[in-house]
Amino acid sequence: MKKSHLHLFPETSPLDCPEGVRNQEAGSSIEKMVPIGVRDLASLLVDAFQSDRTWLRDFESEQIFVSTDLYEILLAYQQVRRCDAA
């Protein structure tokens, strides 16, 4: 079977990782990442936000890495929402 070239989290060495992805305690090792669907993540975060869950505040400084195309869509959506609110 052919190996898939599509990866949610790119296979990189610790030197190639964006700042903040490296495990600070272990030095140069990469933190374990687990793929999750956008739909699943969004619904869980929305529910946690609406329920004012304390654990969500514990992670508010965390960064989530998304693909460039999703980021561009999110920026465009943010602009549309601002225009609708005005």
Protein backbone atom coordinates (compact mmCIF):
# COMPACT_ATOMS: atom_id res chain seq x y z
CA MET A 1 0.00 0.00 0.00
CA LYS A 2 1.23 3.47 -0.89
CA LYS A 3 2.17 5.76 1.98
CA SER A 4 -0.06 8.83 2.30
CA HIS A 5 1.60 12.20 1.91
CA LEU A 6 -1.17 14.06 3.71
CA HIS A 7 -0.32 14.84 7.33
CA LEU A 8 -2.20 16.98 9.82
CA PHE A 9 1.02 17.47 11.74
CA PRO A 10 4.11 17.56 9.54
CA GLU A 11 6.89 15.12 10.30
CA THR A 12 9.74 17.42 11.32
CA SER A 13 12.86 17.32 13.39
CA PRO A 14 13.00 19.39 16.59
CA LEU A 15 15.08 21.99 14.75
CA ASP A 16 12.34 22.45 12.15
CA CYS A 17 9.54 22.94 14.69
CA PRO A 18 7.91 26.33 15.11
CA GLU A 19 8.77 28.08 18.34
CA GLY A 20 6.52 26.85 21.12
CA VAL A 21 6.09 23.34 19.72
CA ARG A 22 9.19 22.04 21.43
CA ASN A 23 8.82 20.52 24.87
CA GLN A 24 10.52 23.01 27.13
CA GLU A 25 11.22 20.48 29.88
CA ALA A 26 12.79 17.89 27.59
CA GLY A 27 14.90 20.38 25.65
CA SER A 28 14.80 19.45 21.99
CA SER A 29 12.15 16.72 21.98
CA ILE A 30 8.81 17.39 20.31
CA GLU A 31 5.65 17.43 22.40
CA LYS A 32 3.29 14.63 21.53
CA MET A 33 0.53 15.88 19.26
CA VAL A 34 -2.75 14.14 18.56
CA PRO A 35 -4.84 14.86 15.46
CA ILE A 36 -8.44 15.93 16.01
CA GLY A 37 -11.07 16.95 13.49
CA VAL A 38 -11.95 20.64 13.29
CA ARG A 39 -15.63 19.82 13.84
CA ASP A 40 -14.88 17.87 17.02
CA LEU A 41 -12.49 20.49 18.36
CA ALA A 42 -14.83 23.38 17.60
CA SER A 43 -17.88 21.78 19.20
CA LEU A 44 -15.96 20.89 22.35
CA LEU A 45 -14.43 24.36 22.65
CA VAL A 46 -17.77 26.09 22.06
CA ASP A 47 -19.43 23.95 24.72
CA ALA A 48 -16.59 24.57 27.19
CA PHE A 49 -16.74 28.31 26.51
CA GLN A 50 -20.52 28.52 26.88
CA SER A 51 -20.35 26.43 30.06
CA ASP A 52 -17.56 28.64 31.44
CA ARG A 53 -15.32 25.66 32.19
CA THR A 54 -12.31 26.46 34.33
CA TRP A 55 -10.02 24.11 32.41
CA LEU A 56 -10.47 26.23 29.29
CA ARG A 57 -8.88 29.20 31.08
CA ASP A 58 -5.95 26.94 32.03
CA PHE A 59 -5.16 26.54 28.33
CA GLU A 60 -5.94 30.05 27.08
CA SER A 61 -2.28 30.83 26.41
CA GLU A 62 -1.76 27.63 24.36
CA GLN A 63 -1.25 27.91 20.63
CA ILE A 64 -2.97 25.70 18.09
CA PHE A 65 -1.36 25.29 14.69
CA VAL A 66 -3.70 25.21 11.69
CA SER A 67 -3.07 24.97 7.98
CA THR A 68 -2.57 28.19 6.02
CA ASP A 69 -5.80 27.74 4.06
CA LEU A 70 -7.88 27.27 7.23
CA TYR A 71 -6.19 30.32 8.76
CA GLU A 72 -7.08 32.43 5.72
CA ILE A 73 -10.70 31.26 5.88
CA LEU A 74 -10.86 32.10 9.60
CA LEU A 75 -9.47 35.59 8.95
CA ALA A 76 -12.01 36.19 6.18
CA TYR A 77 -14.83 34.95 8.40
CA GLN A 78 -13.66 37.25 11.20
CA GLN A 79 -13.85 40.22 8.80
CA VAL A 80 -17.37 39.26 7.69
CA ARG A 81 -18.52 39.01 11.30
CA ARG A 82 -17.07 42.45 12.08
CA CYS A 83 -18.88 43.95 9.08
CA ASP A 84 -22.15 42.30 10.13
CA ALA A 85 -21.79 43.63 13.68
CA ALA A 86 -21.19 47.22 12.54
